[in-house]
Amino acid sequence: MIHLNDINLAYKKVKGFAHVTPLLSSSRINRIIGAEIYFKAENFQKVGAFKFRGAINALSIIKESSDIKEVVTHSSGNHAQALALASKILGLKAYIVMPENSPEVKINAVKEYGGEIIFCKPTLQAREDSAQKVIEQTGAEFIHPYNNYRIIAGQGTCALEALSQINFTPDYVIAPVGGGGLLSGTAIAVKETNKNIRVFGAEPKNADDAYKSFKAGYIIPQTNPNTIADGLRTSLGDKTFNIITNYVDDILLCSEKNIINAMSLIYESLKIVIEPSAAVPLAGIIENNEHFKEKKIIVILSGGNIDIKNFNWHAE
């Protein structure tokens, strides 16, 4: 388990490389929801997502404390880009195992950031086997996308930074949950700062393994998720599950329709680009609106990497 001190230490490393992202608000959204919402805009972060925070923290520690020169991960999403860029900044070699059906925009981004891509079949087993082969051949250090305490501490700096940007105590802080790295770090940062602030995760109904696991008290793996929130299709890890169980107050669920509604509301009102996963917390608020009337809420917008050309705004 990590604690607030670990996140404070991570922030000292992260802030030298990462952007301080803004807190945005919209009087229109506040009026529609009946609450005061502040959006932590990690879509403006390097690589367009909060994932850069965890990657730069983990690799900074490796750079300072070991002779390791190469790292490896498996990811088809924002973690792949984040690790590639963090490695480039710190002078490390990054091997990125990506499924062969990964979006072209993300493949190109990893290449631009200097990551060496190893393609594999689109299964978890193939990802893990390919990463293990790289480790055996190169001695590279494996950096898990979320089930890694250094990654979790880095992700926690997002909420820590958000709390430093306001002069009031929020009632709620809400983050999306896929593998749980962001929600875990958020929960520790918030709860160990002020235990009276409620921390919620938010998840699509079509990929509700974290919700089921949270309610059951043990990990229920993700099976065949079918959601437009592609960043939230992964299962919790043992480290993230343990933290979420101990720190998080509840997990909200939302429909695909309300994810689209929340995305549209943010695009139209805040005039910014976000990916579907980032809209899930607002979708959860929309779906459970009665709980949030007249409350002050921080919502973490996790990222803005979306293939606009191929996105279906009418997905159900």
Protein backbone atom coordinates (compact mmCIF):
# COMPACT_ATOMS: atom_id res chain seq x y z
CA MET A 1 0.00 0.00 0.00
CA ILE A 2 1.13 3.56 -0.69
CA HIS A 3 0.06 6.71 1.12
CA LEU A 4 -0.25 10.47 0.71
CA ASN A 5 3.46 10.97 1.34
CA ASP A 6 4.25 8.77 -1.68
CA ILE A 7 1.96 10.91 -3.82
CA ASN A 8 3.56 14.11 -2.51
CA LEU A 9 6.98 12.70 -3.41
CA ALA A 10 5.66 11.70 -6.82
CA TYR A 11 4.38 15.23 -7.40
CA LYS A 12 7.86 16.64 -6.84
CA LYS A 13 9.05 14.45 -9.71
CA VAL A 14 6.00 14.84 -11.94
CA LYS A 15 5.68 18.63 -11.81
CA GLY A 16 9.09 19.07 -13.43
CA PHE A 17 7.81 17.37 -16.59
CA ALA A 18 4.00 17.39 -16.67
CA HIS A 19 1.61 20.22 -17.44
CA VAL A 20 -0.42 21.78 -14.64
CA THR A 21 -3.83 21.16 -16.16
CA PRO A 22 -6.72 23.59 -15.60
CA LEU A 23 -9.92 23.18 -13.63
CA LEU A 24 -12.78 24.14 -15.93
CA SER A 25 -16.42 24.87 -15.18
CA SER A 26 -19.55 25.63 -17.17
CA SER A 27 -22.54 27.54 -15.88
CA ARG A 28 -24.67 25.65 -18.43
CA ILE A 29 -23.59 22.23 -17.15
CA ASN A 30 -24.03 23.40 -13.55
CA ARG A 31 -27.54 24.57 -14.35
CA ILE A 32 -28.48 21.31 -16.09
CA ILE A 33 -27.07 19.10 -13.33
CA GLY A 34 -28.04 21.37 -10.44
CA ALA A 35 -24.57 21.17 -8.94
CA GLU A 36 -21.22 22.97 -8.99
CA ILE A 37 -18.82 20.87 -11.09
CA TYR A 38 -15.13 21.48 -11.69
CA PHE A 39 -13.52 19.47 -14.48
CA LYS A 40 -9.82 18.58 -14.08
CA ALA A 41 -8.81 18.70 -17.74
CA GLU A 42 -6.18 15.98 -18.18
CA ASN A 43 -6.98 16.00 -21.89
CA PHE A 44 -4.51 18.92 -21.88
CA GLN A 45 -1.80 16.78 -20.27
CA LYS A 46 1.21 15.55 -22.27
CA VAL A 47 0.16 12.65 -24.55
CA GLY A 48 -3.38 13.90 -24.00
CA ALA A 49 -4.05 11.89 -20.84
CA PHE A 50 -3.35 11.53 -17.10
CA LYS A 51 -1.23 8.45 -17.90
CA PHE A 52 1.85 10.63 -18.40
CA ARG A 53 1.92 11.39 -14.67
CA GLY A 54 2.31 7.75 -13.66
CA ALA A 55 4.80 6.96 -16.41
CA ILE A 56 7.13 9.86 -15.65
CA ASN A 57 7.04 9.11 -11.91
CA ALA A 58 7.80 5.40 -12.35
CA LEU A 59 10.60 6.00 -14.82
CA SER A 60 12.11 8.87 -12.81
CA ILE A 61 12.46 6.52 -9.83
CA ILE A 62 14.04 3.84 -12.03
CA LYS A 63 16.44 6.39 -13.53
CA GLU A 64 17.50 7.63 -10.08
CA SER A 65 17.73 4.32 -8.24
CA SER A 66 18.99 1.73 -10.72
CA ASP A 67 21.16 1.04 -13.76
CA ILE A 68 18.18 -0.07 -15.82
CA LYS A 69 18.27 1.45 -19.31
CA GLU A 70 15.30 -0.29 -20.94
CA VAL A 71 11.62 -0.69 -20.03
CA VAL A 72 8.73 -2.63 -21.52
CA THR A 73 4.96 -2.60 -21.23
CA HIS A 74 1.90 -3.91 -23.04
CA SER A 75 -0.79 -1.40 -23.94
CA SER A 76 -2.94 -0.36 -26.87
CA GLY A 77 -3.88 2.95 -25.33
CA ASN A 78 -2.67 6.03 -23.49
CA HIS A 79 -0.17 4.17 -21.28
CA ALA A 80 1.74 3.09 -24.39
CA GLN A 81 2.15 6.69 -25.49
CA ALA A 82 2.91 7.89 -21.96
CA LEU A 83 5.67 5.35 -21.38
CA ALA A 84 7.18 6.02 -24.79
CA LEU A 85 7.34 9.78 -24.18
CA ALA A 86 8.55 9.49 -20.58
CA SER A 87 11.31 7.12 -21.76
CA LYS A 88 12.35 9.55 -24.48
CA ILE A 89 12.52 12.44 -22.01
CA LEU A 90 14.60 10.45 -19.50
CA GLY A 91 16.88 8.78 -22.05
CA LEU A 92 15.56 5.24 -21.63
CA LYS A 93 14.67 2.67 -24.28
CA ALA A 94 10.96 1.71 -24.37
CA TYR A 95 9.53 -1.47 -25.88
CA ILE A 96 5.78 -1.28 -26.32
CA VAL A 97 3.82 -4.48 -26.96
CA MET A 98 0.66 -3.53 -28.85
CA PRO A 99 -2.16 -5.68 -30.26
CA GLU A 100 -2.03 -5.78 -34.05
CA ASN A 101 -5.51 -4.22 -34.21
CA SER A 102 -4.53 -1.14 -32.17
CA PRO A 103 -5.84 2.19 -33.53
CA GLU A 104 -3.49 3.63 -36.13
CA VAL A 105 -3.49 7.00 -34.41
CA LYS A 106 -2.06 5.42 -31.23
CA ILE A 107 0.50 3.33 -33.12
CA ASN A 108 1.73 6.47 -34.87
CA ALA A 109 1.91 8.38 -31.58
CA VAL A 110 4.05 5.67 -29.94
CA LYS A 111 6.39 5.72 -32.94
CA GLU A 112 6.64 9.52 -32.82
CA TYR A 113 7.57 9.36 -29.13
CA GLY A 114 10.38 6.93 -29.93
CA GLY A 115 8.90 3.69 -28.61
CA GLU A 116 9.82 0.40 -30.31
CA ILE A 117 6.59 -1.45 -31.05
CA ILE A 118 6.23 -5.22 -30.89
CA PHE A 119 2.91 -6.31 -32.35
CA CYS A 120 0.98 -9.28 -30.97
CA LYS A 121 -2.38 -10.99 -31.28
CA PRO A 122 -5.23 -9.08 -29.56
CA THR A 123 -5.42 -11.22 -26.42
CA LEU A 124 -4.14 -10.62 -22.90
CA GLN A 125 -2.15 -13.85 -23.02
CA ALA A 126 -0.42 -12.76 -26.23
CA ARG A 127 0.41 -9.37 -24.69
CA GLU A 128 1.90 -10.95 -21.59
CA ASP A 129 3.84 -13.58 -23.53
CA SER A 130 5.28 -10.97 -25.89
CA ALA A 131 6.30 -8.70 -23.01
CA GLN A 132 7.93 -11.63 -21.21
CA LYS A 133 9.91 -12.47 -24.34
CA VAL A 134 11.23 -8.91 -24.48
CA ILE A 135 12.22 -9.11 -20.80
CA GLU A 136 14.11 -12.37 -21.39
CA GLN A 137 15.89 -11.01 -24.48
CA THR A 138 16.76 -7.51 -23.22
CA GLY A 139 16.52 -7.47 -19.43
CA ALA A 140 14.04 -4.59 -19.69
CA GLU A 141 12.04 -3.62 -16.59
CA PHE A 142 8.30 -4.31 -16.93
CA ILE A 143 6.06 -1.33 -16.16
CA HIS A 144 2.46 -2.44 -15.66
CA PRO A 145 -0.11 0.03 -17.02
CA TYR A 146 -1.88 0.39 -13.65
CA ASN A 147 -1.08 -2.38 -11.14
CA ASN A 148 2.16 -0.72 -10.04
CA TYR A 149 2.54 1.46 -6.94
CA ARG A 150 4.83 3.97 -8.68
CA ILE A 151 2.28 4.35 -11.46
CA ILE A 152 -0.56 4.71 -8.93
CA ALA A 153 1.34 7.38 -6.98
CA GLY A 154 1.93 9.34 -10.18
CA GLN A 155 -1.74 9.17 -11.12
CA GLY A 156 -2.65 10.42 -7.65
CA THR A 157 -0.88 13.71 -8.37
CA CYS A 158 -3.81 14.69 -10.60
CA ALA A 159 -6.28 14.88 -7.69
CA LEU A 160 -3.61 16.36 -5.41
CA GLU A 161 -3.07 19.14 -7.93
CA ALA A 162 -6.83 19.69 -8.31
CA LEU A 163 -7.28 20.12 -4.56
CA SER A 164 -4.51 22.72 -4.56
CA GLN A 165 -6.33 24.73 -7.25
CA ILE A 166 -9.47 25.40 -5.20
CA ASN A 167 -10.19 27.39 -2.03
CA PHE A 168 -13.10 25.24 -0.82
CA THR A 169 -13.73 21.65 0.20
CA PRO A 170 -15.55 19.61 -2.47
CA ASP A 171 -18.27 17.17 -1.51
CA TYR A 172 -17.21 14.63 -4.13
CA VAL A 173 -14.25 13.73 -6.33
CA ILE A 174 -15.16 11.37 -9.17
CA ALA A 175 -12.80 9.52 -11.53
CA PRO A 176 -13.37 6.88 -14.20
CA VAL A 177 -12.23 3.33 -13.40
CA GLY A 178 -10.81 0.73 -15.76
CA GLY A 179 -7.72 -0.95 -14.36
CA GLY A 180 -8.01 1.34 -11.34
CA GLY A 181 -4.71 3.22 -11.37
CA LEU A 182 -6.29 6.67 -11.58
CA LEU A 183 -9.08 5.92 -9.10
CA SER A 184 -6.62 4.34 -6.63
CA GLY A 185 -4.26 7.29 -6.68
CA THR A 186 -7.16 9.74 -6.54
CA ALA A 187 -8.71 7.98 -3.54
CA ILE A 188 -5.50 8.00 -1.52
CA ALA A 189 -4.72 11.63 -2.37
CA VAL A 190 -8.21 12.80 -1.47
CA LYS A 191 -9.04 10.63 1.55
CA GLU A 192 -5.69 11.16 3.26
CA THR A 193 -6.07 14.91 2.69
CA ASN A 194 -9.66 15.05 3.98
CA LYS A 195 -11.53 11.85 4.88
CA ASN A 196 -14.88 13.70 4.70
CA ILE A 197 -14.65 14.17 0.93
CA ARG A 198 -16.45 11.31 -0.80
CA VAL A 199 -14.57 9.56 -3.61
CA PHE A 200 -16.53 7.77 -6.33
CA GLY A 201 -15.43 5.74 -9.31
CA ALA A 202 -17.50 5.74 -12.50
CA GLU A 203 -17.85 2.88 -14.95
CA PRO A 204 -19.98 1.87 -17.95
CA LYS A 205 -22.75 -0.65 -17.28
CA ASN A 206 -21.36 -2.60 -20.24
CA ALA A 207 -17.98 -2.98 -18.52
CA ASP A 208 -18.91 -3.11 -14.84
CA ASP A 209 -16.28 -5.45 -13.41
CA ALA A 210 -14.98 -2.86 -10.92
CA TYR A 211 -18.52 -2.24 -9.64
CA LYS A 212 -19.17 -5.97 -9.28
CA SER A 213 -15.78 -6.53 -7.63
CA PHE A 214 -16.31 -3.62 -5.24
CA LYS A 215 -19.71 -4.95 -4.16
CA ALA A 216 -18.60 -8.60 -3.93
CA GLY A 217 -15.36 -7.97 -2.03
CA TYR A 218 -13.21 -9.93 -4.48
CA ILE A 219 -11.98 -9.38 -8.03
CA ILE A 220 -14.46 -10.35 -10.74
CA PRO A 221 -12.56 -10.20 -14.05
CA GLN A 222 -13.82 -8.28 -17.05
CA THR A 223 -15.49 -10.46 -19.70
CA ASN A 224 -16.37 -9.32 -23.22
CA PRO A 225 -16.93 -5.63 -22.46
CA ASN A 226 -18.84 -3.80 -25.18
CA THR A 227 -18.52 -0.09 -24.50
CA ILE A 228 -17.43 2.98 -26.43
CA ALA A 229 -15.31 3.87 -23.37
CA ASP A 230 -12.42 1.79 -24.69
CA GLY A 231 -10.03 2.96 -21.97
CA LEU A 232 -12.19 1.28 -19.31
CA ARG A 233 -12.34 -2.24 -20.70
CA THR A 234 -9.57 -3.65 -18.48
CA SER A 235 -9.96 -5.54 -15.19
CA LEU A 236 -8.72 -4.34 -11.79
CA GLY A 237 -5.35 -5.52 -10.51
CA ASP A 238 -4.76 -6.82 -7.00
CA LYS A 239 -3.03 -3.60 -5.91
CA THR A 240 -5.69 -1.28 -7.31
CA PHE A 241 -8.53 -3.45 -5.98
CA ASN A 242 -7.05 -3.37 -2.48
CA ILE A 243 -6.79 0.42 -2.51
CA ILE A 244 -10.25 0.92 -4.01
CA THR A 245 -11.78 -1.42 -1.42
CA ASN A 246 -10.17 0.54 1.42
CA TYR A 247 -10.57 4.12 0.18
CA VAL A 248 -13.40 4.48 -2.35
CA ASP A 249 -16.95 5.22 -1.18
CA ASP A 250 -18.86 3.87 -4.18
CA ILE A 251 -18.80 3.24 -7.92
CA LEU A 252 -21.37 4.80 -10.25
CA LEU A 253 -22.66 3.07 -13.38
CA CYS A 254 -23.88 4.65 -16.59
CA SER A 255 -25.38 3.66 -19.93
CA GLU A 256 -23.74 4.05 -23.32
CA LYS A 257 -26.43 6.60 -24.17
CA ASN A 258 -25.47 8.77 -21.19
CA ILE A 259 -21.76 8.51 -22.08
CA ILE A 260 -22.67 10.04 -25.45
CA ASN A 261 -24.89 12.63 -23.73
CA ALA A 262 -22.08 13.58 -21.34
CA MET A 263 -19.55 13.82 -24.17
CA SER A 264 -21.89 16.05 -26.15
CA LEU A 265 -22.54 18.26 -23.13
CA ILE A 266 -18.80 18.71 -22.51
CA TYR A 267 -18.00 19.36 -26.19
CA GLU A 268 -20.80 21.90 -26.50
CA SER A 269 -20.36 23.64 -23.14
CA LEU A 270 -16.63 23.48 -22.36
CA LYS A 271 -15.53 23.57 -26.03
CA ILE A 272 -12.89 20.88 -25.50
CA VAL A 273 -12.16 17.45 -26.97
CA ILE A 274 -12.40 14.45 -24.64
CA GLU A 275 -12.43 10.69 -25.22
CA PRO A 276 -15.43 8.55 -24.19
CA SER A 277 -13.76 7.25 -21.00
CA ALA A 278 -13.35 10.82 -19.76
CA ALA A 279 -17.11 11.42 -20.06
CA VAL A 280 -18.05 8.47 -17.85
CA PRO A 281 -17.96 10.38 -14.50
CA LEU A 282 -20.35 13.04 -15.81
CA ALA A 283 -22.50 10.27 -17.31
CA GLY A 284 -22.61 8.67 -13.87
CA ILE A 285 -23.72 11.97 -12.35
CA ILE A 286 -26.42 12.35 -15.01
CA GLU A 287 -27.67 8.83 -14.30
CA ASN A 288 -27.70 9.36 -10.52
CA ASN A 289 -28.51 13.05 -10.56
CA GLU A 290 -30.59 13.15 -7.36
CA HIS A 291 -27.49 12.39 -5.22
CA PHE A 292 -25.54 15.38 -6.48
CA LYS A 293 -27.99 18.30 -6.30
CA GLU A 294 -26.39 21.45 -4.81
CA LYS A 295 -23.06 19.66 -4.25
CA LYS A 296 -19.53 20.76 -5.17
CA ILE A 297 -17.86 18.11 -7.34
CA ILE A 298 -14.44 17.63 -8.91
CA VAL A 299 -14.60 15.42 -12.01
CA ILE A 300 -11.38 14.12 -13.52
CA LEU A 301 -11.47 14.24 -17.32
CA SER A 302 -8.98 11.44 -17.93
CA GLY A 303 -7.96 12.21 -21.51
CA GLY A 304 -8.73 13.49 -24.98
CA ASN A 305 -7.39 10.87 -27.37
CA ILE A 306 -10.23 10.05 -29.72
CA ASP A 307 -10.33 9.09 -33.38
CA ILE A 308 -12.85 11.73 -34.42
CA LYS A 309 -13.10 10.42 -38.00
CA ASN A 310 -14.27 6.97 -36.90
CA PHE A 311 -16.25 7.83 -33.79
CA ASN A 312 -19.97 6.99 -33.85
CA TRP A 313 -21.89 9.66 -32.00
CA HIS A 314 -25.01 7.52 -32.11
CA ALA A 315 -23.52 4.40 -30.50
CA GLU A 316 -25.86 2.67 -28.04
